[in-house]
Each structure stands twice: as C-alpha cells, then as structure tokens.
Amino acid sequence: MNSLLEQIKKRRITLELKQHDMMLRVGMSRQQYQRLESKGNPRLDTLALVAKGLKSELLLIPQEKLNAVLAVLADDHPTSTGNPSQTEKEQSNPLADDPWQGLLGENE
C-alpha cells in the first residue's frame, strides 16, 4: 500500500496541488487527505475518488505484465524536434498505435 500512497502524493505534487486543494477536488478535508497520504488504508471508492481528483485512473495490472506497462509509461516523453514524422514514430515506438495491445493477455 505504501507505494500506492507514494504515487498519490507524487501525482498531487506533479499537478502542483496542495493537500488543501483536494478538498475542492474530492470533497475531503485537508486533515483527511493528509492522513490518507501519510498512513491511510483507504477504501476502494475513496481511492477511485482521489484518482479522479488527480486526473488519474486506477488499474489492476497482472504481475507478469507489470514490466511491459512500466516500459510503455517510461517511454511517454516528447521528442526534441517537436513533431516527428510517422516513420520516426513507428521506429521509436512500435506500440504507438495501441500501446496496451496484448498486455492483459487478450488476443487481437
């Protein structure tokens, strides 16, 4: 759980939000939110509400697919030239059209 709470805090900081800002976004007091970030054991509906407030989604990722998902997320960065050609996109990221293809073991 600690890793999830760290991710929530990191996302809030990335969005340049204070704990107090979450009151307006998800309807919980700063104290409630602070407790959640520091040592909370939130219910699933609370996590879903916080994720929405942080413009994020909750996902259940099979362990055997975790590295592939993390690799896709790590490759989510802009190029230095601004607008690469379609060929450059395909060469740099072969999963560009559907980065989640097959990650959950589904057939095409």
N, C-alpha and C. Protein backbone atom coordinates (compact mmCIF):
# COMPACT_ATOMS: atom_id res chain seq x y z
N MET A 1 0.83 -1.20 0.00
CA MET A 1 0.00 0.00 0.00
C MET A 1 0.87 1.25 0.00
N ASN A 2 2.02 1.18 0.67
CA ASN A 2 2.87 2.34 0.79
C ASN A 2 3.26 2.91 -0.57
N SER A 3 3.56 2.05 -1.53
CA SER A 3 3.93 2.50 -2.86
C SER A 3 2.79 3.27 -3.51
N LEU A 4 1.57 2.79 -3.33
CA LEU A 4 0.41 3.48 -3.88
C LEU A 4 0.24 4.86 -3.26
N LEU A 5 0.40 4.94 -1.96
CA LEU A 5 0.28 6.23 -1.28
C LEU A 5 1.37 7.19 -1.74
N GLU A 6 2.58 6.67 -1.98
CA GLU A 6 3.66 7.50 -2.51
C GLU A 6 3.32 8.00 -3.91
N GLN A 7 2.71 7.14 -4.72
CA GLN A 7 2.32 7.55 -6.07
C GLN A 7 1.26 8.64 -6.03
N ILE A 8 0.31 8.52 -5.11
CA ILE A 8 -0.73 9.53 -4.97
C ILE A 8 -0.10 10.87 -4.61
N LYS A 9 0.81 10.86 -3.65
CA LYS A 9 1.47 12.11 -3.24
C LYS A 9 2.29 12.69 -4.38
N LYS A 10 3.02 11.85 -5.08
CA LYS A 10 3.85 12.30 -6.20
C LYS A 10 2.99 12.93 -7.29
N ARG A 11 1.85 12.31 -7.58
CA ARG A 11 0.95 12.83 -8.61
C ARG A 11 0.39 14.19 -8.19
N ARG A 12 0.01 14.32 -6.93
CA ARG A 12 -0.51 15.60 -6.43
C ARG A 12 0.54 16.69 -6.58
N ILE A 13 1.76 16.38 -6.21
CA ILE A 13 2.85 17.35 -6.30
C ILE A 13 3.13 17.69 -7.75
N THR A 14 3.09 16.71 -8.64
CA THR A 14 3.29 16.95 -10.07
C THR A 14 2.25 17.91 -10.62
N LEU A 15 1.02 17.79 -10.13
CA LEU A 15 -0.06 18.68 -10.56
C LEU A 15 -0.02 20.02 -9.83
N GLU A 16 1.01 20.19 -8.98
CA GLU A 16 1.20 21.42 -8.20
C GLU A 16 -0.02 21.73 -7.32
N LEU A 17 -0.53 20.68 -6.69
CA LEU A 17 -1.67 20.81 -5.79
C LEU A 17 -1.21 20.67 -4.35
N LYS A 18 -1.83 21.41 -3.47
CA LYS A 18 -1.60 21.28 -2.04
C LYS A 18 -2.64 20.29 -1.50
N GLN A 19 -2.37 19.74 -0.33
CA GLN A 19 -3.34 18.82 0.26
C GLN A 19 -4.68 19.51 0.45
N HIS A 20 -4.66 20.77 0.76
CA HIS A 20 -5.89 21.54 0.94
C HIS A 20 -6.70 21.59 -0.36
N ASP A 21 -6.03 21.60 -1.51
CA ASP A 21 -6.73 21.65 -2.80
C ASP A 21 -7.61 20.42 -3.03
N MET A 22 -7.27 19.33 -2.38
CA MET A 22 -8.04 18.11 -2.59
C MET A 22 -9.44 18.22 -2.01
N MET A 23 -9.63 19.14 -1.06
CA MET A 23 -10.96 19.35 -0.51
C MET A 23 -11.93 19.75 -1.63
N LEU A 24 -11.51 20.65 -2.48
CA LEU A 24 -12.35 21.09 -3.59
C LEU A 24 -12.48 20.03 -4.67
N ARG A 25 -11.46 19.24 -4.86
CA ARG A 25 -11.47 18.24 -5.92
C ARG A 25 -12.21 16.96 -5.56
N VAL A 26 -12.09 16.52 -4.31
CA VAL A 26 -12.70 15.23 -3.94
C VAL A 26 -13.59 15.30 -2.71
N GLY A 27 -13.70 16.46 -2.11
CA GLY A 27 -14.63 16.62 -1.01
C GLY A 27 -14.18 16.06 0.33
N MET A 28 -12.88 15.98 0.52
CA MET A 28 -12.40 15.56 1.84
C MET A 28 -11.53 16.66 2.42
N SER A 29 -11.54 16.78 3.73
CA SER A 29 -10.77 17.84 4.37
C SER A 29 -9.28 17.61 4.19
N ARG A 30 -8.50 18.66 4.44
CA ARG A 30 -7.05 18.55 4.34
C ARG A 30 -6.55 17.50 5.31
N GLN A 31 -7.13 17.47 6.51
CA GLN A 31 -6.71 16.51 7.52
C GLN A 31 -6.98 15.07 7.06
N GLN A 32 -8.15 14.84 6.49
CA GLN A 32 -8.48 13.51 5.98
C GLN A 32 -7.52 13.11 4.88
N TYR A 33 -7.27 14.04 3.96
CA TYR A 33 -6.38 13.74 2.85
C TYR A 33 -4.95 13.52 3.34
N GLN A 34 -4.51 14.34 4.29
CA GLN A 34 -3.16 14.20 4.85
C GLN A 34 -3.00 12.81 5.48
N ARG A 35 -4.01 12.37 6.22
CA ARG A 35 -3.99 11.06 6.86
C ARG A 35 -3.92 9.96 5.80
N LEU A 36 -4.66 10.13 4.70
CA LEU A 36 -4.64 9.14 3.62
C LEU A 36 -3.24 9.03 3.03
N GLU A 37 -2.61 10.17 2.73
CA GLU A 37 -1.28 10.16 2.13
C GLU A 37 -0.21 9.60 3.08
N SER A 38 -0.33 9.89 4.35
CA SER A 38 0.73 9.52 5.28
C SER A 38 0.65 8.07 5.76
N LYS A 39 -0.53 7.61 6.10
CA LYS A 39 -0.63 6.26 6.67
C LYS A 39 -1.97 5.63 6.42
N GLY A 40 -2.68 6.16 5.47
CA GLY A 40 -4.04 5.71 5.26
C GLY A 40 -4.17 4.31 4.73
N ASN A 41 -5.34 3.77 4.93
CA ASN A 41 -5.73 2.49 4.37
C ASN A 41 -7.10 2.74 3.72
N PRO A 42 -7.09 3.48 2.59
CA PRO A 42 -8.35 3.93 2.01
C PRO A 42 -9.18 2.81 1.42
N ARG A 43 -10.47 3.02 1.44
CA ARG A 43 -11.39 2.11 0.77
C ARG A 43 -11.24 2.31 -0.73
N LEU A 44 -11.66 1.32 -1.49
CA LEU A 44 -11.55 1.39 -2.94
C LEU A 44 -12.30 2.58 -3.51
N ASP A 45 -13.48 2.88 -3.00
CA ASP A 45 -14.23 4.02 -3.53
C ASP A 45 -13.52 5.33 -3.22
N THR A 46 -12.81 5.41 -2.09
CA THR A 46 -12.03 6.60 -1.77
C THR A 46 -10.86 6.73 -2.72
N LEU A 47 -10.18 5.61 -3.01
CA LEU A 47 -9.07 5.64 -3.97
C LEU A 47 -9.55 6.09 -5.35
N ALA A 48 -10.70 5.60 -5.77
CA ALA A 48 -11.24 5.98 -7.07
C ALA A 48 -11.53 7.48 -7.11
N LEU A 49 -12.07 8.00 -6.03
CA LEU A 49 -12.37 9.43 -5.93
C LEU A 49 -11.09 10.26 -5.96
N VAL A 50 -10.08 9.84 -5.23
CA VAL A 50 -8.79 10.55 -5.22
C VAL A 50 -8.15 10.49 -6.60
N ALA A 51 -8.19 9.33 -7.23
CA ALA A 51 -7.61 9.20 -8.57
C ALA A 51 -8.28 10.17 -9.54
N LYS A 52 -9.59 10.25 -9.48
CA LYS A 52 -10.31 11.18 -10.34
C LYS A 52 -9.89 12.62 -10.06
N GLY A 53 -9.75 12.96 -8.79
CA GLY A 53 -9.31 14.30 -8.41
C GLY A 53 -7.90 14.62 -8.89
N LEU A 54 -7.09 13.58 -9.07
CA LEU A 54 -5.72 13.75 -9.55
C LEU A 54 -5.58 13.49 -11.05
N LYS A 55 -6.72 13.48 -11.73
CA LYS A 55 -6.75 13.22 -13.18
C LYS A 55 -5.98 11.95 -13.52
N SER A 56 -6.30 10.88 -12.79
CA SER A 56 -5.63 9.60 -12.95
C SER A 56 -6.65 8.48 -12.98
N GLU A 57 -6.18 7.28 -13.25
CA GLU A 57 -7.03 6.10 -13.27
C GLU A 57 -6.40 5.02 -12.40
N LEU A 58 -7.22 4.22 -11.77
CA LEU A 58 -6.75 3.05 -11.05
C LEU A 58 -6.77 1.87 -12.00
N LEU A 59 -5.71 1.09 -11.99
CA LEU A 59 -5.63 -0.09 -12.85
C LEU A 59 -5.14 -1.28 -12.05
N LEU A 60 -5.65 -2.43 -12.36
CA LEU A 60 -5.14 -3.67 -11.80
C LEU A 60 -4.31 -4.32 -12.90
N ILE A 61 -3.00 -4.42 -12.66
CA ILE A 61 -2.09 -4.91 -13.69
C ILE A 61 -1.55 -6.27 -13.25
N PRO A 62 -1.70 -7.30 -14.08
CA PRO A 62 -1.12 -8.60 -13.73
C PRO A 62 0.40 -8.47 -13.55
N GLN A 63 0.95 -9.13 -12.55
CA GLN A 63 2.38 -9.01 -12.26
C GLN A 63 3.25 -9.34 -13.46
N GLU A 64 2.83 -10.34 -14.23
CA GLU A 64 3.65 -10.74 -15.37
C GLU A 64 3.66 -9.68 -16.48
N LYS A 65 2.74 -8.71 -16.42
CA LYS A 65 2.68 -7.64 -17.41
C LYS A 65 3.22 -6.31 -16.87
N LEU A 66 3.58 -6.27 -15.60
CA LEU A 66 3.99 -5.02 -14.96
C LEU A 66 5.18 -4.37 -15.66
N ASN A 67 6.21 -5.13 -15.97
CA ASN A 67 7.38 -4.54 -16.62
C ASN A 67 7.04 -3.96 -17.98
N ALA A 68 6.17 -4.62 -18.72
CA ALA A 68 5.77 -4.09 -20.03
C ALA A 68 4.99 -2.78 -19.89
N VAL A 69 4.11 -2.71 -18.91
CA VAL A 69 3.35 -1.49 -18.66
C VAL A 69 4.29 -0.36 -18.23
N LEU A 70 5.20 -0.66 -17.32
CA LEU A 70 6.15 0.35 -16.87
C LEU A 70 7.03 0.84 -18.01
N ALA A 71 7.40 -0.04 -18.91
CA ALA A 71 8.21 0.36 -20.07
C ALA A 71 7.44 1.30 -20.98
N VAL A 72 6.16 1.01 -21.20
CA VAL A 72 5.33 1.89 -22.03
C VAL A 72 5.20 3.25 -21.36
N LEU A 73 4.96 3.27 -20.07
CA LEU A 73 4.82 4.54 -19.36
C LEU A 73 6.13 5.32 -19.34
N ALA A 74 7.24 4.65 -19.21
CA ALA A 74 8.54 5.32 -19.19
C ALA A 74 8.87 5.91 -20.55
N ASP A 75 8.33 5.34 -21.62
CA ASP A 75 8.61 5.81 -22.98
C ASP A 75 7.68 6.96 -23.37
N ASP A 76 6.88 7.44 -22.45
CA ASP A 76 5.91 8.51 -22.71
C ASP A 76 6.59 9.86 -22.50
N HIS A 77 7.42 10.26 -23.48
CA HIS A 77 8.12 11.53 -23.40
C HIS A 77 8.13 12.20 -24.76
N PRO A 78 8.08 13.53 -24.80
CA PRO A 78 8.09 14.25 -26.06
C PRO A 78 9.45 14.17 -26.74
N THR A 79 9.45 14.26 -28.06
CA THR A 79 10.71 14.25 -28.80
C THR A 79 11.29 15.65 -28.85
N SER A 80 12.58 15.74 -29.09
CA SER A 80 13.26 17.03 -29.08
C SER A 80 12.91 17.87 -30.30
N THR A 81 12.49 17.25 -31.39
CA THR A 81 12.19 18.01 -32.60
C THR A 81 10.76 18.53 -32.63
N GLY A 82 9.95 18.12 -31.69
CA GLY A 82 8.58 18.61 -31.65
C GLY A 82 7.62 17.68 -32.33
N ASN A 83 7.67 17.59 -33.65
CA ASN A 83 6.75 16.76 -34.42
C ASN A 83 7.52 15.76 -35.26
N PRO A 84 7.77 14.55 -34.77
CA PRO A 84 8.47 13.57 -35.58
C PRO A 84 7.58 13.05 -36.69
N SER A 85 8.20 12.59 -37.77
CA SER A 85 7.43 12.03 -38.88
C SER A 85 6.82 10.71 -38.43
N GLN A 86 5.84 10.22 -39.20
CA GLN A 86 5.19 8.96 -38.87
C GLN A 86 6.20 7.83 -38.84
N THR A 87 7.17 7.83 -39.76
CA THR A 87 8.19 6.79 -39.79
C THR A 87 9.02 6.81 -38.52
N GLU A 88 9.40 8.01 -38.06
CA GLU A 88 10.17 8.12 -36.83
C GLU A 88 9.37 7.61 -35.64
N LYS A 89 8.07 7.91 -35.61
CA LYS A 89 7.22 7.43 -34.52
C LYS A 89 7.19 5.91 -34.50
N GLU A 90 7.02 5.30 -35.67
CA GLU A 90 6.93 3.85 -35.75
C GLU A 90 8.24 3.20 -35.35
N GLN A 91 9.37 3.81 -35.74
CA GLN A 91 10.66 3.25 -35.40
C GLN A 91 10.95 3.39 -33.91
N SER A 92 10.61 4.53 -33.33
CA SER A 92 10.93 4.76 -31.93
C SER A 92 9.97 4.05 -30.99
N ASN A 93 8.73 3.83 -31.43
CA ASN A 93 7.74 3.20 -30.57
C ASN A 93 6.82 2.32 -31.40
N PRO A 94 7.17 1.05 -31.55
CA PRO A 94 6.35 0.17 -32.38
C PRO A 94 4.94 -0.05 -31.83
N LEU A 95 4.70 0.29 -30.57
CA LEU A 95 3.37 0.14 -29.99
C LEU A 95 2.58 1.43 -30.02
N ALA A 96 3.03 2.41 -30.82
CA ALA A 96 2.42 3.74 -30.81
C ALA A 96 0.92 3.71 -31.10
N ASP A 97 0.50 2.85 -32.01
CA ASP A 97 -0.92 2.81 -32.34
C ASP A 97 -1.77 2.25 -31.21
N ASP A 98 -1.27 1.23 -30.54
CA ASP A 98 -2.00 0.62 -29.43
C ASP A 98 -1.00 0.11 -28.39
N PRO A 99 -0.54 1.02 -27.50
CA PRO A 99 0.49 0.63 -26.55
C PRO A 99 0.04 -0.44 -25.56
N TRP A 100 -1.24 -0.67 -25.42
CA TRP A 100 -1.75 -1.65 -24.45
C TRP A 100 -2.06 -2.99 -25.11
N GLN A 101 -1.78 -3.09 -26.41
CA GLN A 101 -2.11 -4.30 -27.16
C GLN A 101 -1.47 -5.53 -26.52
N GLY A 102 -2.28 -6.48 -26.16
CA GLY A 102 -1.82 -7.76 -25.64
C GLY A 102 -1.32 -7.73 -24.20
N LEU A 103 -1.36 -6.59 -23.53
CA LEU A 103 -0.81 -6.51 -22.18
C LEU A 103 -1.62 -7.32 -21.17
N LEU A 104 -2.86 -7.50 -21.43
CA LEU A 104 -3.69 -8.27 -20.49
C LEU A 104 -3.92 -9.70 -20.98
N GLY A 105 -3.11 -10.12 -21.95
CA GLY A 105 -3.21 -11.48 -22.42
C GLY A 105 -4.35 -11.71 -23.40
N GLU A 106 -4.91 -10.62 -23.93
CA GLU A 106 -6.01 -10.75 -24.86
C GLU A 106 -5.48 -11.03 -26.26
N ASN A 107 -6.23 -11.78 -27.01
CA ASN A 107 -5.90 -11.93 -28.42
C ASN A 107 -6.37 -10.73 -29.18
N GLU A 108 -5.72 -10.44 -30.28
CA GLU A 108 -6.10 -9.26 -31.06
C GLU A 108 -7.51 -9.38 -31.47
